[in-house]
């Protein structure tokens, strides 16, 4: 029982020592928070710049892919 207590207390000390720098870090955003915000802003701006023909072709392609994959003709 005694060695187990030593191992647990050692693990607790290591955890507290290693968690110190993380606790002192800047908490301005969550993990990947700014990345996802910039990712969404980029693609929203990209779709706003596209003309209607490109979006229509992409939409038709998505519908066609959905129809092809959902139809039973491809399964035997």
PDB file of N, CA and C in Angstrom:
ATOM      1  N   UNK A   1       0.823  -1.188   0.000  1.00  0.00           N
ATOM      2  CA  UNK A   1       0.000   0.000   0.000  1.00  0.00           C
ATOM      3  C   UNK A   1       0.869   1.255   0.000  1.00  0.00           C
ATOM      4  N   UNK A   2       1.995   1.194   0.646  1.00  0.00           N
ATOM      5  CA  UNK A   2       2.872   2.345   0.778  1.00  0.00           C
ATOM      6  C   UNK A   2       3.494   2.763  -0.558  1.00  0.00           C
ATOM      7  N   UNK A   3       3.977   1.822  -1.390  1.00  0.00           N
ATOM      8  CA  UNK A   3       4.548   2.228  -2.680  1.00  0.00           C
ATOM      9  C   UNK A   3       3.503   2.869  -3.602  1.00  0.00           C
ATOM     10  N   UNK A   4       2.278   2.394  -3.515  1.00  0.00           N
ATOM     11  CA  UNK A   4       1.226   2.968  -4.341  1.00  0.00           C
ATOM     12  C   UNK A   4       0.978   4.424  -3.954  1.00  0.00           C
ATOM     13  N   UNK A   5       1.036   4.731  -2.674  1.00  0.00           N
ATOM     14  CA  UNK A   5       0.850   6.109  -2.207  1.00  0.00           C
ATOM     15  C   UNK A   5       1.979   7.000  -2.710  1.00  0.00           C
ATOM     16  N   UNK A   6       3.192   6.488  -2.719  1.00  0.00           N
ATOM     17  CA  UNK A   6       4.330   7.252  -3.221  1.00  0.00           C
ATOM     18  C   UNK A   6       4.181   7.537  -4.724  1.00  0.00           C
ATOM     19  N   UNK A   7       3.729   6.537  -5.464  1.00  0.00           N
ATOM     20  CA  UNK A   7       3.553   6.710  -6.907  1.00  0.00           C
ATOM     21  C   UNK A   7       2.461   7.736  -7.187  1.00  0.00           C
ATOM     22  N   UNK A   8       1.364   7.661  -6.439  1.00  0.00           N
ATOM     23  CA  UNK A   8       0.282   8.616  -6.649  1.00  0.00           C
ATOM     24  C   UNK A   8       0.697  10.037  -6.274  1.00  0.00           C
ATOM     25  N   UNK A   9       1.435  10.167  -5.181  1.00  0.00           N
ATOM     26  CA  UNK A   9       1.869  11.511  -4.789  1.00  0.00           C
ATOM     27  C   UNK A   9       2.897  12.065  -5.780  1.00  0.00           C
ATOM     28  N   UNK A  10       3.763  11.212  -6.309  1.00  0.00           N
ATOM     29  CA  UNK A  10       4.711  11.639  -7.329  1.00  0.00           C
ATOM     30  C   UNK A  10       3.974  12.078  -8.599  1.00  0.00           C
ATOM     31  N   UNK A  11       2.969  11.326  -8.985  1.00  0.00           N
ATOM     32  CA  UNK A  11       2.180  11.689 -10.164  1.00  0.00           C
ATOM     33  C   UNK A  11       1.455  13.020  -9.950  1.00  0.00           C
ATOM     34  N   UNK A  12       0.953  13.255  -8.748  1.00  0.00           N
ATOM     35  CA  UNK A  12       0.281  14.509  -8.445  1.00  0.00           C
ATOM     36  C   UNK A  12       1.248  15.695  -8.514  1.00  0.00           C
ATOM     37  N   UNK A  13       2.448  15.519  -7.986  1.00  0.00           N
ATOM     38  CA  UNK A  13       3.446  16.587  -8.024  1.00  0.00           C
ATOM     39  C   UNK A  13       3.850  16.888  -9.470  1.00  0.00           C
ATOM     40  N   UNK A  14       4.067  15.841 -10.265  1.00  0.00           N
ATOM     41  CA  UNK A  14       4.429  16.034 -11.675  1.00  0.00           C
ATOM     42  C   UNK A  14       3.301  16.745 -12.411  1.00  0.00           C
ATOM     43  N   UNK A  15       2.069  16.348 -12.132  1.00  0.00           N
ATOM     44  CA  UNK A  15       0.924  16.983 -12.769  1.00  0.00           C
ATOM     45  C   UNK A  15       0.848  18.463 -12.436  1.00  0.00           C
ATOM     46  N   UNK A  16       1.049  18.812 -11.182  1.00  0.00           N
ATOM     47  CA  UNK A  16       0.991  20.209 -10.776  1.00  0.00           C
ATOM     48  C   UNK A  16       2.141  21.029 -11.371  1.00  0.00           C
ATOM     49  N   UNK A  17       3.321  20.438 -11.450  1.00  0.00           N
ATOM     50  CA  UNK A  17       4.466  21.148 -12.017  1.00  0.00           C
ATOM     51  C   UNK A  17       4.273  21.383 -13.516  1.00  0.00           C
ATOM     52  N   UNK A  18       3.791  20.379 -14.213  1.00  0.00           N
ATOM     53  CA  UNK A  18       3.605  20.514 -15.654  1.00  0.00           C
ATOM     54  C   UNK A  18       2.390  21.367 -16.008  1.00  0.00           C
ATOM     55  N   UNK A  19       1.409  21.439 -15.133  1.00  0.00           N
ATOM     56  CA  UNK A  19       0.215  22.238 -15.414  1.00  0.00           C
ATOM     57  C   UNK A  19       0.436  23.713 -15.110  1.00  0.00           C
ATOM     58  N   UNK A  20       1.486  24.060 -14.424  1.00  0.00           N
ATOM     59  CA  UNK A  20       1.749  25.459 -14.080  1.00  0.00           C
ATOM     60  C   UNK A  20       1.893  26.368 -15.282  1.00  0.00           C
ATOM     61  N   UNK A  21       2.746  26.041 -16.249  1.00  0.00           N
ATOM     62  CA  UNK A  21       2.866  26.908 -17.424  1.00  0.00           C
ATOM     63  C   UNK A  21       1.563  27.016 -18.221  1.00  0.00           C
ATOM     64  N   UNK A  22       0.801  25.960 -18.270  1.00  0.00           N
ATOM     65  CA  UNK A  22      -0.466  26.015 -19.004  1.00  0.00           C
ATOM     66  C   UNK A  22      -1.466  26.921 -18.299  1.00  0.00           C
ATOM     67  N   UNK A  23      -1.439  26.943 -17.000  1.00  0.00           N
ATOM     68  CA  UNK A  23      -2.352  27.802 -16.255  1.00  0.00           C
ATOM     69  C   UNK A  23      -1.960  29.269 -16.406  1.00  0.00           C
ATOM     70  N   UNK A  24      -0.682  29.529 -16.606  1.00  0.00           N
ATOM     71  CA  UNK A  24      -0.214  30.909 -16.736  1.00  0.00           C
ATOM     72  C   UNK A  24      -0.343  31.429 -18.164  1.00  0.00           C
ATOM     73  N   UNK A  25      -0.718  30.582 -19.100  1.00  0.00           N
ATOM     74  CA  UNK A  25      -0.800  30.985 -20.506  1.00  0.00           C
ATOM     75  C   UNK A  25      -1.991  31.907 -20.735  1.00  0.00           C
ATOM     76  N   UNK A  26      -1.954  32.577 -21.850  1.00  0.00           N
ATOM     77  CA  UNK A  26      -3.030  33.480 -22.228  1.00  0.00           C
ATOM     78  C   UNK A  26      -4.251  32.661 -22.645  1.00  0.00           C
ATOM     79  N   UNK A  27      -5.389  32.953 -22.052  1.00  0.00           N
ATOM     80  CA  UNK A  27      -6.612  32.199 -22.336  1.00  0.00           C
ATOM     81  C   UNK A  27      -7.542  32.994 -23.241  1.00  0.00           C
ATOM     82  N   UNK A  28      -6.991  33.683 -24.227  1.00  0.00           N
ATOM     83  CA  UNK A  28      -7.813  34.533 -25.081  1.00  0.00           C
ATOM     84  C   UNK A  28      -8.749  33.728 -25.985  1.00  0.00           C
ATOM     85  N   UNK A  29      -8.377  32.517 -26.325  1.00  0.00           N
ATOM     86  CA  UNK A  29      -9.232  31.705 -27.183  1.00  0.00           C
ATOM     87  C   UNK A  29      -9.066  30.238 -26.858  1.00  0.00           C
ATOM     88  N   UNK A  30     -10.054  29.475 -27.231  1.00  0.00           N
ATOM     89  CA  UNK A  30      -9.969  28.035 -27.021  1.00  0.00           C
ATOM     90  C   UNK A  30      -8.973  27.435 -28.006  1.00  0.00           C
ATOM     91  N   UNK A  31      -8.680  26.187 -27.827  1.00  0.00           N
ATOM     92  CA  UNK A  31      -7.756  25.500 -28.714  1.00  0.00           C
ATOM     93  C   UNK A  31      -8.295  25.537 -30.139  1.00  0.00           C
ATOM     94  N   UNK A  32      -7.530  25.998 -31.061  1.00  0.00           N
ATOM     95  CA  UNK A  32      -7.898  26.158 -32.467  1.00  0.00           C
ATOM     96  C   UNK A  32      -9.021  27.173 -32.664  1.00  0.00           C
ATOM     97  N   UNK A  33      -9.342  27.980 -31.666  1.00  0.00           N
ATOM     98  CA  UNK A  33     -10.449  28.926 -31.770  1.00  0.00           C
ATOM     99  C   UNK A  33     -10.235  29.942 -32.861  1.00  0.00           C
ATOM    100  N   UNK A  34      -9.083  30.568 -32.874  1.00  0.00           N
ATOM    101  CA  UNK A  34      -8.809  31.580 -33.896  1.00  0.00           C
ATOM    102  C   UNK A  34      -8.660  30.932 -35.267  1.00  0.00           C
ATOM    103  N   UNK A  35      -8.159  29.727 -35.313  1.00  0.00           N
ATOM    104  CA  UNK A  35      -8.019  29.035 -36.594  1.00  0.00           C
ATOM    105  C   UNK A  35      -9.383  28.844 -37.237  1.00  0.00           C
ATOM    106  N   UNK A  36     -10.358  28.347 -36.468  1.00  0.00           N
ATOM    107  CA  UNK A  36     -11.681  28.087 -37.024  1.00  0.00           C
ATOM    108  C   UNK A  36     -12.385  29.377 -37.411  1.00  0.00           C
ATOM    109  N   UNK A  37     -12.205  30.437 -36.622  1.00  0.00           N
ATOM    110  CA  UNK A  37     -12.802  31.720 -36.979  1.00  0.00           C
ATOM    111  C   UNK A  37     -12.250  32.216 -38.311  1.00  0.00           C
ATOM    112  N   UNK A  38     -10.937  32.144 -38.476  1.00  0.00           N
ATOM    113  CA  UNK A  38     -10.323  32.583 -39.722  1.00  0.00           C
ATOM    114  C   UNK A  38     -10.702  31.667 -40.887  1.00  0.00           C
ATOM    115  N   UNK A  39     -10.821  30.373 -40.632  1.00  0.00           N
ATOM    116  CA  UNK A  39     -11.235  29.415 -41.649  1.00  0.00           C
ATOM    117  C   UNK A  39     -12.626  29.753 -42.170  1.00  0.00           C
ATOM    118  N   UNK A  40     -13.562  30.010 -41.243  1.00  0.00           N
ATOM    119  CA  UNK A  40     -14.920  30.342 -41.651  1.00  0.00           C
ATOM    120  C   UNK A  40     -14.979  31.687 -42.370  1.00  0.00           C
ATOM    121  N   UNK A  41     -14.235  32.666 -41.880  1.00  0.00           N
ATOM    122  CA  UNK A  41     -14.213  33.969 -42.540  1.00  0.00           C
ATOM    123  C   UNK A  41     -13.671  33.856 -43.963  1.00  0.00           C
ATOM    124  N   UNK A  42     -12.635  33.063 -44.144  1.00  0.00           N
ATOM    125  CA  UNK A  42     -12.041  32.893 -45.470  1.00  0.00           C
ATOM    126  C   UNK A  42     -13.053  32.302 -46.452  1.00  0.00           C
ATOM    127  N   UNK A  43     -13.712  31.205 -46.042  1.00  0.00           N
ATOM    128  CA  UNK A  43     -14.631  30.550 -46.960  1.00  0.00           C
ATOM    129  C   UNK A  43     -15.898  31.358 -47.175  1.00  0.00           C
ATOM    130  N   UNK A  44     -16.354  32.085 -46.168  1.00  0.00           N
ATOM    131  CA  UNK A  44     -17.517  32.952 -46.369  1.00  0.00           C
ATOM    132  C   UNK A  44     -17.187  34.050 -47.372  1.00  0.00           C
ATOM    133  N   UNK A  45     -16.022  34.651 -47.236  1.00  0.00           N
ATOM    134  CA  UNK A  45     -15.608  35.676 -48.188  1.00  0.00           C
ATOM    135  C   UNK A  45     -15.416  35.077 -49.572  1.00  0.00           C
ATOM    136  N   UNK A  46     -14.908  33.868 -49.642  1.00  0.00           N
ATOM    137  CA  UNK A  46     -14.701  33.207 -50.924  1.00  0.00           C
ATOM    138  C   UNK A  46     -16.030  32.950 -51.622  1.00  0.00           C
ATOM    139  N   UNK A  47     -17.032  32.507 -50.874  1.00  0.00           N
ATOM    140  CA  UNK A  47     -18.335  32.266 -51.485  1.00  0.00           C
ATOM    141  C   UNK A  47     -19.023  33.571 -51.869  1.00  0.00           C
ATOM    142  N   UNK A  48     -18.774  34.633 -51.146  1.00  0.00           N
ATOM    143  CA  UNK A  48     -19.353  35.920 -51.514  1.00  0.00           C
ATOM    144  C   UNK A  48     -18.744  36.452 -52.808  1.00  0.00           C
ATOM    145  N   UNK A  49     -17.484  36.123 -53.081  1.00  0.00           N
ATOM    146  CA  UNK A  49     -16.807  36.600 -54.281  1.00  0.00           C
ATOM    147  C   UNK A  49     -17.213  35.804 -55.526  1.00  0.00           C
ATOM    148  N   UNK A  50     -17.641  34.568 -55.337  1.00  0.00           N
ATOM    149  CA  UNK A  50     -17.955  33.711 -56.480  1.00  0.00           C
ATOM    150  C   UNK A  50     -19.196  34.225 -57.204  1.00  0.00           C
ATOM    151  N   UNK A  51     -19.229  33.993 -58.501  1.00  0.00           N
ATOM    152  CA  UNK A  51     -20.426  34.370 -59.243  1.00  0.00           C
ATOM    153  C   UNK A  51     -21.445  33.238 -59.180  1.00  0.00           C
ATOM    154  N   UNK A  52     -22.623  33.505 -59.649  1.00  0.00           N
ATOM    155  CA  UNK A  52     -23.720  32.553 -59.548  1.00  0.00           C
ATOM    156  C   UNK A  52     -23.501  31.284 -60.338  1.00  0.00           C
ATOM    157  N   UNK A  53     -22.789  31.373 -61.466  1.00  0.00           N
ATOM    158  CA  UNK A  53     -22.575  30.200 -62.308  1.00  0.00           C
ATOM    159  C   UNK A  53     -21.737  29.154 -61.585  1.00  0.00           C
ATOM    160  N   UNK A  54     -20.682  29.590 -60.922  1.00  0.00           N
ATOM    161  CA  UNK A  54     -19.813  28.656 -60.203  1.00  0.00           C
ATOM    162  C   UNK A  54     -20.584  27.983 -59.070  1.00  0.00           C
ATOM    163  N   UNK A  55     -21.350  28.758 -58.330  1.00  0.00           N
ATOM    164  CA  UNK A  55     -22.132  28.171 -57.237  1.00  0.00           C
ATOM    165  C   UNK A  55     -23.207  27.235 -57.773  1.00  0.00           C
ATOM    166  N   UNK A  56     -23.804  27.568 -58.908  1.00  0.00           N
ATOM    167  CA  UNK A  56     -24.804  26.691 -59.509  1.00  0.00           C
ATOM    168  C   UNK A  56     -24.182  25.358 -59.926  1.00  0.00           C
ATOM    169  N   UNK A  57     -23.007  25.406 -60.525  1.00  0.00           N
ATOM    170  CA  UNK A  57     -22.325  24.174 -60.948  1.00  0.00           C
ATOM    171  C   UNK A  57     -21.947  23.329 -59.736  1.00  0.00           C
ATOM    172  N   UNK A  58     -21.439  23.960 -58.680  1.00  0.00           N
ATOM    173  CA  UNK A  58     -21.112  23.206 -57.465  1.00  0.00           C
ATOM    174  C   UNK A  58     -22.356  22.588 -56.842  1.00  0.00           C
ATOM    175  N   UNK A  59     -23.436  23.319 -56.822  1.00  0.00           N
ATOM    176  CA  UNK A  59     -24.692  22.793 -56.277  1.00  0.00           C
ATOM    177  C   UNK A  59     -25.219  21.627 -57.085  1.00  0.00           C
ATOM    178  N   UNK A  60     -25.199  21.758 -58.416  1.00  0.00           N
ATOM    179  CA  UNK A  60     -25.648  20.654 -59.275  1.00  0.00           C
ATOM    180  C   UNK A  60     -24.752  19.426 -59.120  1.00  0.00           C
ATOM    181  N   UNK A  61     -23.460  19.653 -58.973  1.00  0.00           N
ATOM    182  CA  UNK A  61     -22.545  18.529 -58.749  1.00  0.00           C
ATOM    183  C   UNK A  61     -22.848  17.802 -57.448  1.00  0.00           C
ATOM    184  N   UNK A  62     -23.154  18.566 -56.398  1.00  0.00           N
ATOM    185  CA  UNK A  62     -23.483  17.936 -55.115  1.00  0.00           C
ATOM    186  C   UNK A  62     -24.778  17.144 -55.222  1.00  0.00           C
ATOM    187  N   UNK A  63     -25.777  17.698 -55.897  1.00  0.00           N
ATOM    188  CA  UNK A  63     -27.049  16.986 -56.076  1.00  0.00           C
ATOM    189  C   UNK A  63     -26.843  15.731 -56.914  1.00  0.00           C
ATOM    190  N   UNK A  64     -26.067  15.832 -57.978  1.00  0.00           N
ATOM    191  CA  UNK A  64     -25.811  14.669 -58.834  1.00  0.00           C
ATOM    192  C   UNK A  64     -25.077  13.576 -58.066  1.00  0.00           C
ATOM    193  N   UNK A  65     -24.106  13.979 -57.256  1.00  0.00           N
ATOM    194  CA  UNK A  65     -23.381  12.995 -56.456  1.00  0.00           C
ATOM    195  C   UNK A  65     -24.306  12.317 -55.456  1.00  0.00           C
ATOM    196  N   UNK A  66     -25.214  13.080 -54.869  1.00  0.00           N
ATOM    197  CA  UNK A  66     -26.183  12.511 -53.930  1.00  0.00           C
ATOM    198  C   UNK A  66     -27.092  11.521 -54.639  1.00  0.00           C
ATOM    199  N   UNK A  67     -27.563  11.875 -55.816  1.00  0.00           N
ATOM    200  CA  UNK A  67     -28.448  10.979 -56.562  1.00  0.00           C
ATOM    201  C   UNK A  67     -27.721   9.707 -56.971  1.00  0.00           C
ATOM    202  N   UNK A  68     -26.495   9.844 -57.443  1.00  0.00           N
ATOM    203  CA  UNK A  68     -25.740   8.667 -57.882  1.00  0.00           C
ATOM    204  C   UNK A  68     -25.467   7.723 -56.721  1.00  0.00           C
ATOM    205  N   UNK A  69     -25.085   8.264 -55.584  1.00  0.00           N
ATOM    206  CA  UNK A  69     -24.734   7.395 -54.459  1.00  0.00           C
ATOM    207  C   UNK A  69     -25.954   6.813 -53.767  1.00  0.00           C
ATOM    208  N   UNK A  70     -27.103   7.451 -53.892  1.00  0.00           N
ATOM    209  CA  UNK A  70     -28.317   6.952 -53.225  1.00  0.00           C
ATOM    210  C   UNK A  70     -29.134   6.011 -54.089  1.00  0.00           C
ATOM    211  N   UNK A  71     -28.908   5.994 -55.366  1.00  0.00           N
ATOM    212  CA  UNK A  71     -29.708   5.124 -56.224  1.00  0.00           C
ATOM    213  C   UNK A  71     -29.248   3.679 -56.059  1.00  0.00           C
ATOM    214  N   UNK A  72     -30.145   2.757 -56.262  1.00  0.00           N
ATOM    215  CA  UNK A  72     -29.839   1.347 -56.075  1.00  0.00           C
ATOM    216  C   UNK A  72     -29.165   0.701 -57.258  1.00  0.00           C
ATOM    217  N   UNK A  73     -29.015   1.427 -58.369  1.00  0.00           N
ATOM    218  CA  UNK A  73     -28.434   0.839 -59.567  1.00  0.00           C
ATOM    219  C   UNK A  73     -26.965   0.498 -59.399  1.00  0.00           C
ATOM    220  N   UNK A  74     -26.291   1.177 -58.506  1.00  0.00           N
ATOM    221  CA  UNK A  74     -24.866   0.929 -58.318  1.00  0.00           C
ATOM    222  C   UNK A  74     -24.611  -0.264 -57.414  1.00  0.00           C
ATOM    223  N   UNK A  75     -25.652  -0.694 -56.706  1.00  0.00           N
ATOM    224  CA  UNK A  75     -25.490  -1.850 -55.814  1.00  0.00           C
ATOM    225  C   UNK A  75     -26.049  -3.072 -56.517  1.00  0.00           C
ATOM    226  N   UNK A  76     -25.326  -4.156 -56.467  1.00  0.00           N
ATOM    227  CA  UNK A  76     -25.804  -5.378 -57.125  1.00  0.00           C
ATOM    228  C   UNK A  76     -26.085  -6.456 -56.126  1.00  0.00           C
TER     229      UNK A  76
END
